[in-house]
Protein backbone atom coordinates (compact mmCIF):
# COMPACT_ATOMS: atom_id res chain seq x y z
CA UNK A 1 0.00 0.00 0.00
CA UNK A 2 1.56 3.35 -1.00
CA UNK A 3 2.27 6.06 1.53
CA UNK A 4 2.03 9.67 0.41
CA UNK A 5 4.30 11.99 2.39
CA UNK A 6 2.61 15.33 1.77
CA UNK A 7 4.18 18.69 2.54
CA UNK A 8 1.29 21.14 3.01
CA UNK A 9 2.27 24.80 2.54
CA UNK A 10 -0.27 27.51 3.34
CA UNK A 11 -0.29 30.75 1.31
CA UNK A 12 -1.18 34.05 2.92
CA UNK A 13 -0.96 34.90 6.59
CA UNK A 14 1.14 33.28 9.28
CA UNK A 15 -0.21 29.75 8.97
CA UNK A 16 2.29 26.98 9.70
CA UNK A 17 2.72 24.24 7.14
CA UNK A 18 3.00 20.58 8.02
CA UNK A 19 4.07 17.20 6.68
CA UNK A 20 1.46 14.43 6.81
CA UNK A 21 1.46 10.76 5.80
CA UNK A 22 -1.67 9.93 3.77
CA UNK A 23 -3.03 6.80 2.09
CA UNK A 24 -3.91 8.77 -1.08
CA UNK A 25 -2.63 11.98 -2.63
CA UNK A 26 -4.54 15.24 -2.13
CA UNK A 27 -6.44 16.68 -5.09
CA UNK A 28 -6.80 20.27 -6.28
CA UNK A 29 -10.06 21.72 -4.94
CA UNK A 30 -10.21 19.32 -2.00
CA UNK A 31 -10.74 20.65 1.54
CA UNK A 32 -8.26 19.49 4.18
CA UNK A 33 -8.27 20.02 7.92
CA UNK A 34 -4.85 20.67 9.41
CA UNK A 35 -5.01 21.33 13.13
CA UNK A 36 -8.06 23.45 13.88
CA UNK A 37 -8.15 25.21 10.47
CA UNK A 38 -9.68 24.06 7.17
CA UNK A 39 -7.90 24.77 3.86
CA UNK A 40 -8.55 24.35 0.13
CA UNK A 41 -5.86 22.59 -1.92
CA UNK A 42 -4.91 24.86 -4.86
CA UNK A 43 -1.85 23.03 -6.27
CA UNK A 44 -0.37 19.53 -6.05
CA UNK A 45 3.11 18.63 -7.30
CA UNK A 46 5.29 15.52 -7.14
CA UNK A 47 8.54 16.52 -5.44
CA UNK A 48 10.63 13.55 -6.57
CA UNK A 49 9.87 10.22 -8.23
CA UNK A 50 8.36 7.60 -5.90
CA UNK A 51 10.81 5.44 -3.95
CA UNK A 52 9.29 2.05 -3.34
CA UNK A 53 5.94 2.61 -1.67
CA UNK A 54 6.76 6.21 -0.70
CA UNK A 55 5.49 9.14 -2.78
CA UNK A 56 6.68 12.67 -1.98
CA UNK A 57 4.07 15.35 -2.68
CA UNK A 58 3.87 19.12 -2.22
CA UNK A 59 0.41 20.65 -1.76
CA UNK A 60 -0.22 24.38 -1.67
CA UNK A 61 -3.36 25.41 0.23
CA UNK A 62 -5.26 28.54 1.12
CA UNK A 63 -7.27 29.11 4.30
CA UNK A 64 -11.04 28.93 3.98
CA UNK A 65 -13.36 31.58 5.35
CA UNK A 66 -15.89 30.32 7.93
CA UNK A 67 -18.74 30.44 5.37
CA UNK A 68 -16.71 28.26 2.95
CA UNK A 69 -15.96 25.42 5.37
CA UNK A 70 -19.28 23.53 5.23
CA UNK A 71 -18.84 19.84 4.50
CA UNK A 72 -15.22 18.64 4.28
CA UNK A 73 -16.16 16.31 1.41
CA UNK A 74 -16.47 19.11 -1.17
PDB file of N, CA and C in Angstrom:
ATOM      1  N   UNK A   1       0.844  -1.170   0.000  1.00  0.00           N
ATOM      2  CA  UNK A   1       0.000   0.000   0.000  1.00  0.00           C
ATOM      3  C   UNK A   1       0.900   1.247   0.000  1.00  0.00           C
ATOM      4  N   UNK A   2       0.700   2.158  -0.938  1.00  0.00           N
ATOM      5  CA  UNK A   2       1.560   3.352  -1.004  1.00  0.00           C
ATOM      6  C   UNK A   2       1.311   4.304   0.159  1.00  0.00           C
ATOM      7  N   UNK A   3       2.346   5.013   0.522  1.00  0.00           N
ATOM      8  CA  UNK A   3       2.269   6.057   1.534  1.00  0.00           C
ATOM      9  C   UNK A   3       2.650   7.362   0.863  1.00  0.00           C
ATOM     10  N   UNK A   4       1.796   8.362   0.997  1.00  0.00           N
ATOM     11  CA  UNK A   4       2.035   9.674   0.411  1.00  0.00           C
ATOM     12  C   UNK A   4       2.495  10.614   1.514  1.00  0.00           C
ATOM     13  N   UNK A   5       3.750  11.029   1.450  1.00  0.00           N
ATOM     14  CA  UNK A   5       4.301  11.995   2.389  1.00  0.00           C
ATOM     15  C   UNK A   5       4.037  13.364   1.776  1.00  0.00           C
ATOM     16  N   UNK A   6       3.085  14.083   2.362  1.00  0.00           N
ATOM     17  CA  UNK A   6       2.610  15.328   1.769  1.00  0.00           C
ATOM     18  C   UNK A   6       3.079  16.515   2.603  1.00  0.00           C
ATOM     19  N   UNK A   7       3.776  17.430   1.937  1.00  0.00           N
ATOM     20  CA  UNK A   7       4.178  18.692   2.541  1.00  0.00           C
ATOM     21  C   UNK A   7       3.104  19.716   2.192  1.00  0.00           C
ATOM     22  N   UNK A   8       2.327  20.130   3.198  1.00  0.00           N
ATOM     23  CA  UNK A   8       1.292  21.141   3.007  1.00  0.00           C
ATOM     24  C   UNK A   8       1.875  22.506   3.320  1.00  0.00           C
ATOM     25  N   UNK A   9       1.810  23.421   2.364  1.00  0.00           N
ATOM     26  CA  UNK A   9       2.265  24.796   2.542  1.00  0.00           C
ATOM     27  C   UNK A   9       1.049  25.698   2.387  1.00  0.00           C
ATOM     28  N   UNK A  10       0.889  26.632   3.321  1.00  0.00           N
ATOM     29  CA  UNK A  10      -0.269  27.513   3.335  1.00  0.00           C
ATOM     30  C   UNK A  10       0.138  28.894   2.836  1.00  0.00           C
ATOM     31  N   UNK A  11      -0.584  29.417   1.841  1.00  0.00           N
ATOM     32  CA  UNK A  11      -0.289  30.747   1.307  1.00  0.00           C
ATOM     33  C   UNK A  11      -1.103  31.795   2.062  1.00  0.00           C
ATOM     34  N   UNK A  12      -0.492  32.949   2.253  1.00  0.00           N
ATOM     35  CA  UNK A  12      -1.176  34.052   2.924  1.00  0.00           C
ATOM     36  C   UNK A  12      -1.207  33.885   4.426  1.00  0.00           C
ATOM     37  N   UNK A  13      -0.888  34.924   5.136  1.00  0.00           N
ATOM     38  CA  UNK A  13      -0.959  34.896   6.594  1.00  0.00           C
ATOM     39  C   UNK A  13       0.218  34.175   7.224  1.00  0.00           C
ATOM     40  N   UNK A  14       0.084  33.935   8.507  1.00  0.00           N
ATOM     41  CA  UNK A  14       1.136  33.281   9.279  1.00  0.00           C
ATOM     42  C   UNK A  14       0.745  31.855   9.654  1.00  0.00           C
ATOM     43  N   UNK A  15       0.235  31.107   8.709  1.00  0.00           N
ATOM     44  CA  UNK A  15      -0.206  29.752   8.973  1.00  0.00           C
ATOM     45  C   UNK A  15       0.975  28.795   8.834  1.00  0.00           C
ATOM     46  N   UNK A  16       1.181  27.931   9.825  1.00  0.00           N
ATOM     47  CA  UNK A  16       2.290  26.978   9.702  1.00  0.00           C
ATOM     48  C   UNK A  16       1.937  25.871   8.709  1.00  0.00           C
ATOM     49  N   UNK A  17       2.911  25.406   7.993  1.00  0.00           N
ATOM     50  CA  UNK A  17       2.718  24.238   7.136  1.00  0.00           C
ATOM     51  C   UNK A  17       2.925  22.989   7.964  1.00  0.00           C
ATOM     52  N   UNK A  18       2.801  21.847   7.326  1.00  0.00           N
ATOM     53  CA  UNK A  18       2.996  20.584   8.020  1.00  0.00           C
ATOM     54  C   UNK A  18       3.320  19.494   7.013  1.00  0.00           C
ATOM     55  N   UNK A  19       3.839  18.382   7.502  1.00  0.00           N
ATOM     56  CA  UNK A  19       4.065  17.197   6.680  1.00  0.00           C
ATOM     57  C   UNK A  19       3.208  16.085   7.263  1.00  0.00           C
ATOM     58  N   UNK A  20       2.421  15.442   6.387  1.00  0.00           N
ATOM     59  CA  UNK A  20       1.463  14.429   6.811  1.00  0.00           C
ATOM     60  C   UNK A  20       1.625  13.185   5.948  1.00  0.00           C
ATOM     61  N   UNK A  21       1.509  12.010   6.544  1.00  0.00           N
ATOM     62  CA  UNK A  21       1.457  10.755   5.795  1.00  0.00           C
ATOM     63  C   UNK A  21      -0.001  10.451   5.484  1.00  0.00           C
ATOM     64  N   UNK A  22      -0.307  10.233   4.200  1.00  0.00           N
ATOM     65  CA  UNK A  22      -1.670   9.930   3.766  1.00  0.00           C
ATOM     66  C   UNK A  22      -1.697   8.634   2.975  1.00  0.00           C
ATOM     67  N   UNK A  23      -2.874   8.033   2.872  1.00  0.00           N
ATOM     68  CA  UNK A  23      -3.029   6.804   2.086  1.00  0.00           C
ATOM     69  C   UNK A  23      -3.384   7.085   0.633  1.00  0.00           C
ATOM     70  N   UNK A  24      -3.663   8.371   0.304  1.00  0.00           N
ATOM     71  CA  UNK A  24      -3.912   8.771  -1.080  1.00  0.00           C
ATOM     72  C   UNK A  24      -3.437  10.209  -1.231  1.00  0.00           C
ATOM     73  N   UNK A  25      -3.108  10.609  -2.451  1.00  0.00           N
ATOM     74  CA  UNK A  25      -2.633  11.985  -2.632  1.00  0.00           C
ATOM     75  C   UNK A  25      -3.786  12.986  -2.548  1.00  0.00           C
ATOM     76  N   UNK A  26      -3.504  14.215  -2.116  1.00  0.00           N
ATOM     77  CA  UNK A  26      -4.537  15.244  -2.127  1.00  0.00           C
ATOM     78  C   UNK A  26      -4.858  15.640  -3.561  1.00  0.00           C
ATOM     79  N   UNK A  27      -6.025  16.234  -3.761  1.00  0.00           N
ATOM     80  CA  UNK A  27      -6.439  16.681  -5.092  1.00  0.00           C
ATOM     81  C   UNK A  27      -6.754  18.169  -5.059  1.00  0.00           C
ATOM     82  N   UNK A  28      -6.485  18.845  -6.167  1.00  0.00           N
ATOM     83  CA  UNK A  28      -6.802  20.267  -6.284  1.00  0.00           C
ATOM     84  C   UNK A  28      -8.300  20.446  -6.057  1.00  0.00           C
ATOM     85  N   UNK A  29      -8.662  21.439  -5.244  1.00  0.00           N
ATOM     86  CA  UNK A  29     -10.058  21.723  -4.936  1.00  0.00           C
ATOM     87  C   UNK A  29     -10.549  21.054  -3.667  1.00  0.00           C
ATOM     88  N   UNK A  30      -9.831  20.060  -3.199  1.00  0.00           N
ATOM     89  CA  UNK A  30     -10.215  19.325  -2.001  1.00  0.00           C
ATOM     90  C   UNK A  30     -10.023  20.195  -0.752  1.00  0.00           C
ATOM     91  N   UNK A  31     -10.897  19.994   0.241  1.00  0.00           N
ATOM     92  CA  UNK A  31     -10.737  20.647   1.537  1.00  0.00           C
ATOM     93  C   UNK A  31      -9.951  19.717   2.450  1.00  0.00           C
ATOM     94  N   UNK A  32      -9.018  20.278   3.211  1.00  0.00           N
ATOM     95  CA  UNK A  32      -8.256  19.490   4.182  1.00  0.00           C
ATOM     96  C   UNK A  32      -8.259  20.210   5.520  1.00  0.00           C
ATOM     97  N   UNK A  33      -8.341  19.444   6.582  1.00  0.00           N
ATOM     98  CA  UNK A  33      -8.269  20.019   7.920  1.00  0.00           C
ATOM     99  C   UNK A  33      -6.892  19.726   8.483  1.00  0.00           C
ATOM    100  N   UNK A  34      -6.175  20.780   8.813  1.00  0.00           N
ATOM    101  CA  UNK A  34      -4.852  20.674   9.407  1.00  0.00           C
ATOM    102  C   UNK A  34      -4.911  21.421  10.735  1.00  0.00           C
ATOM    103  N   UNK A  35      -4.809  20.698  11.825  1.00  0.00           N
ATOM    104  CA  UNK A  35      -5.013  21.326  13.127  1.00  0.00           C
ATOM    105  C   UNK A  35      -6.464  21.737  13.254  1.00  0.00           C
ATOM    106  N   UNK A  36      -6.692  22.964  13.692  1.00  0.00           N
ATOM    107  CA  UNK A  36      -8.060  23.452  13.876  1.00  0.00           C
ATOM    108  C   UNK A  36      -8.600  24.192  12.657  1.00  0.00           C
ATOM    109  N   UNK A  37      -7.774  24.411  11.643  1.00  0.00           N
ATOM    110  CA  UNK A  37      -8.153  25.214  10.473  1.00  0.00           C
ATOM    111  C   UNK A  37      -8.444  24.320   9.266  1.00  0.00           C
ATOM    112  N   UNK A  38      -9.353  24.779   8.408  1.00  0.00           N
ATOM    113  CA  UNK A  38      -9.675  24.060   7.169  1.00  0.00           C
ATOM    114  C   UNK A  38      -9.134  24.867   5.994  1.00  0.00           C
ATOM    115  N   UNK A  39      -8.545  24.153   5.021  1.00  0.00           N
ATOM    116  CA  UNK A  39      -7.902  24.772   3.862  1.00  0.00           C
ATOM    117  C   UNK A  39      -8.430  24.155   2.580  1.00  0.00           C
ATOM    118  N   UNK A  40      -8.239  24.861   1.465  1.00  0.00           N
ATOM    119  CA  UNK A  40      -8.550  24.346   0.130  1.00  0.00           C
ATOM    120  C   UNK A  40      -7.230  24.101  -0.584  1.00  0.00           C
ATOM    121  N   UNK A  41      -7.060  22.917  -1.160  1.00  0.00           N
ATOM    122  CA  UNK A  41      -5.857  22.593  -1.922  1.00  0.00           C
ATOM    123  C   UNK A  41      -5.930  23.314  -3.265  1.00  0.00           C
ATOM    124  N   UNK A  42      -4.904  24.103  -3.598  1.00  0.00           N
ATOM    125  CA  UNK A  42      -4.906  24.856  -4.856  1.00  0.00           C
ATOM    126  C   UNK A  42      -3.848  24.365  -5.840  1.00  0.00           C
ATOM    127  N   UNK A  43      -2.895  23.553  -5.374  1.00  0.00           N
ATOM    128  CA  UNK A  43      -1.847  23.032  -6.266  1.00  0.00           C
ATOM    129  C   UNK A  43      -1.274  21.762  -5.649  1.00  0.00           C
ATOM    130  N   UNK A  44      -1.000  20.770  -6.492  1.00  0.00           N
ATOM    131  CA  UNK A  44      -0.373  19.528  -6.048  1.00  0.00           C
ATOM    132  C   UNK A  44       0.754  19.197  -7.018  1.00  0.00           C
ATOM    133  N   UNK A  45       1.947  18.952  -6.474  1.00  0.00           N
ATOM    134  CA  UNK A  45       3.113  18.627  -7.297  1.00  0.00           C
ATOM    135  C   UNK A  45       3.853  17.427  -6.716  1.00  0.00           C
ATOM    136  N   UNK A  46       4.385  16.580  -7.585  1.00  0.00           N
ATOM    137  CA  UNK A  46       5.292  15.522  -7.143  1.00  0.00           C
ATOM    138  C   UNK A  46       6.659  16.146  -6.918  1.00  0.00           C
ATOM    139  N   UNK A  47       7.228  15.938  -5.738  1.00  0.00           N
ATOM    140  CA  UNK A  47       8.535  16.524  -5.440  1.00  0.00           C
ATOM    141  C   UNK A  47       9.661  15.748  -6.096  1.00  0.00           C
ATOM    142  N   UNK A  48       9.629  14.434  -5.958  1.00  0.00           N
ATOM    143  CA  UNK A  48      10.628  13.551  -6.566  1.00  0.00           C
ATOM    144  C   UNK A  48       9.902  12.283  -7.000  1.00  0.00           C
ATOM    145  N   UNK A  49      10.519  11.478  -7.853  1.00  0.00           N
ATOM    146  CA  UNK A  49       9.870  10.221  -8.231  1.00  0.00           C
ATOM    147  C   UNK A  49       9.657   9.331  -7.003  1.00  0.00           C
ATOM    148  N   UNK A  50       8.607   8.502  -7.029  1.00  0.00           N
ATOM    149  CA  UNK A  50       8.364   7.600  -5.899  1.00  0.00           C
ATOM    150  C   UNK A  50       9.577   6.704  -5.635  1.00  0.00           C
ATOM    151  N   UNK A  51       9.750   6.372  -4.373  1.00  0.00           N
ATOM    152  CA  UNK A  51      10.815   5.445  -3.954  1.00  0.00           C
ATOM    153  C   UNK A  51      10.145   4.299  -3.219  1.00  0.00           C
ATOM    154  N   UNK A  52      10.030   3.174  -3.918  1.00  0.00           N
ATOM    155  CA  UNK A  52       9.294   2.055  -3.345  1.00  0.00           C
ATOM    156  C   UNK A  52       7.839   2.448  -3.170  1.00  0.00           C
ATOM    157  N   UNK A  53       7.331   2.261  -1.966  1.00  0.00           N
ATOM    158  CA  UNK A  53       5.937   2.607  -1.673  1.00  0.00           C
ATOM    159  C   UNK A  53       5.766   4.055  -1.223  1.00  0.00           C
ATOM    160  N   UNK A  54       6.840   4.838  -1.182  1.00  0.00           N
ATOM    161  CA  UNK A  54       6.760   6.215  -0.703  1.00  0.00           C
ATOM    162  C   UNK A  54       6.693   7.201  -1.860  1.00  0.00           C
ATOM    163  N   UNK A  55       5.683   8.076  -1.799  1.00  0.00           N
ATOM    164  CA  UNK A  55       5.494   9.136  -2.780  1.00  0.00           C
ATOM    165  C   UNK A  55       5.650  10.462  -2.042  1.00  0.00           C
ATOM    166  N   UNK A  56       6.392  11.391  -2.623  1.00  0.00           N
ATOM    167  CA  UNK A  56       6.683  12.672  -1.977  1.00  0.00           C
ATOM    168  C   UNK A  56       5.952  13.778  -2.732  1.00  0.00           C
ATOM    169  N   UNK A  57       4.999  14.410  -2.053  1.00  0.00           N
ATOM    170  CA  UNK A  57       4.072  15.351  -2.678  1.00  0.00           C
ATOM    171  C   UNK A  57       4.153  16.708  -1.971  1.00  0.00           C
ATOM    172  N   UNK A  58       4.004  17.766  -2.760  1.00  0.00           N
ATOM    173  CA  UNK A  58       3.873  19.122  -2.222  1.00  0.00           C
ATOM    174  C   UNK A  58       2.467  19.591  -2.550  1.00  0.00           C
ATOM    175  N   UNK A  59       1.755  20.110  -1.543  1.00  0.00           N
ATOM    176  CA  UNK A  59       0.412  20.646  -1.759  1.00  0.00           C
ATOM    177  C   UNK A  59       0.356  22.070  -1.223  1.00  0.00           C
ATOM    178  N   UNK A  60      -0.023  22.998  -2.088  1.00  0.00           N
ATOM    179  CA  UNK A  60      -0.221  24.385  -1.673  1.00  0.00           C
ATOM    180  C   UNK A  60      -1.701  24.569  -1.349  1.00  0.00           C
ATOM    181  N   UNK A  61      -1.980  25.220  -0.219  1.00  0.00           N
ATOM    182  CA  UNK A  61      -3.356  25.406   0.233  1.00  0.00           C
ATOM    183  C   UNK A  61      -3.600  26.864   0.592  1.00  0.00           C
ATOM    184  N   UNK A  62      -4.882  27.224   0.635  1.00  0.00           N
ATOM    185  CA  UNK A  62      -5.260  28.541   1.117  1.00  0.00           C
ATOM    186  C   UNK A  62      -6.292  28.351   2.216  1.00  0.00           C
ATOM    187  N   UNK A  63      -6.284  29.231   3.222  1.00  0.00           N
ATOM    188  CA  UNK A  63      -7.275  29.111   4.296  1.00  0.00           C
ATOM    189  C   UNK A  63      -8.678  29.381   3.766  1.00  0.00           C
ATOM    190  N   UNK A  64      -9.646  28.693   4.325  1.00  0.00           N
ATOM    191  CA  UNK A  64     -11.045  28.931   3.979  1.00  0.00           C
ATOM    192  C   UNK A  64     -11.655  29.918   4.966  1.00  0.00           C
ATOM    193  N   UNK A  65     -12.580  30.710   4.488  1.00  0.00           N
ATOM    194  CA  UNK A  65     -13.363  31.584   5.348  1.00  0.00           C
ATOM    195  C   UNK A  65     -14.414  30.720   6.048  1.00  0.00           C
ATOM    196  N   UNK A  66     -14.900  31.138   7.205  1.00  0.00           N
ATOM    197  CA  UNK A  66     -15.886  30.324   7.930  1.00  0.00           C
ATOM    198  C   UNK A  66     -17.097  29.909   7.089  1.00  0.00           C
ATOM    199  N   UNK A  67     -17.573  30.781   6.197  1.00  0.00           N
ATOM    200  CA  UNK A  67     -18.736  30.444   5.373  1.00  0.00           C
ATOM    201  C   UNK A  67     -18.407  29.454   4.257  1.00  0.00           C
ATOM    202  N   UNK A  68     -17.127  29.204   3.979  1.00  0.00           N
ATOM    203  CA  UNK A  68     -16.707  28.257   2.946  1.00  0.00           C
ATOM    204  C   UNK A  68     -16.495  26.851   3.486  1.00  0.00           C
ATOM    205  N   UNK A  69     -16.350  26.708   4.793  1.00  0.00           N
ATOM    206  CA  UNK A  69     -15.956  25.423   5.373  1.00  0.00           C
ATOM    207  C   UNK A  69     -16.977  24.344   5.073  1.00  0.00           C
ATOM    208  N   UNK A  70     -18.215  24.497   5.518  1.00  0.00           N
ATOM    209  CA  UNK A  70     -19.282  23.531   5.231  1.00  0.00           C
ATOM    210  C   UNK A  70     -18.841  22.093   5.434  1.00  0.00           C
ATOM    211  N   UNK A  71     -19.168  21.244   4.478  1.00  0.00           N
ATOM    212  CA  UNK A  71     -18.837  19.838   4.497  1.00  0.00           C
ATOM    213  C   UNK A  71     -17.415  19.636   3.998  1.00  0.00           C
ATOM    214  N   UNK A  72     -16.601  18.885   4.706  1.00  0.00           N
ATOM    215  CA  UNK A  72     -15.217  18.640   4.282  1.00  0.00           C
ATOM    216  C   UNK A  72     -15.120  17.776   3.038  1.00  0.00           C
ATOM    217  N   UNK A  73     -16.210  17.172   2.598  1.00  0.00           N
ATOM    218  CA  UNK A  73     -16.161  16.309   1.408  1.00  0.00           C
ATOM    219  C   UNK A  73     -16.275  17.043   0.098  1.00  0.00           C
ATOM    220  N   UNK A  74     -16.391  18.383   0.115  1.00  0.00           N
ATOM    221  CA  UNK A  74     -16.468  19.105  -1.170  1.00  0.00           C
ATOM    222  C   UNK A  74     -15.730  20.404  -1.094  1.00  0.00           C
TER     223      UNK A  74
END
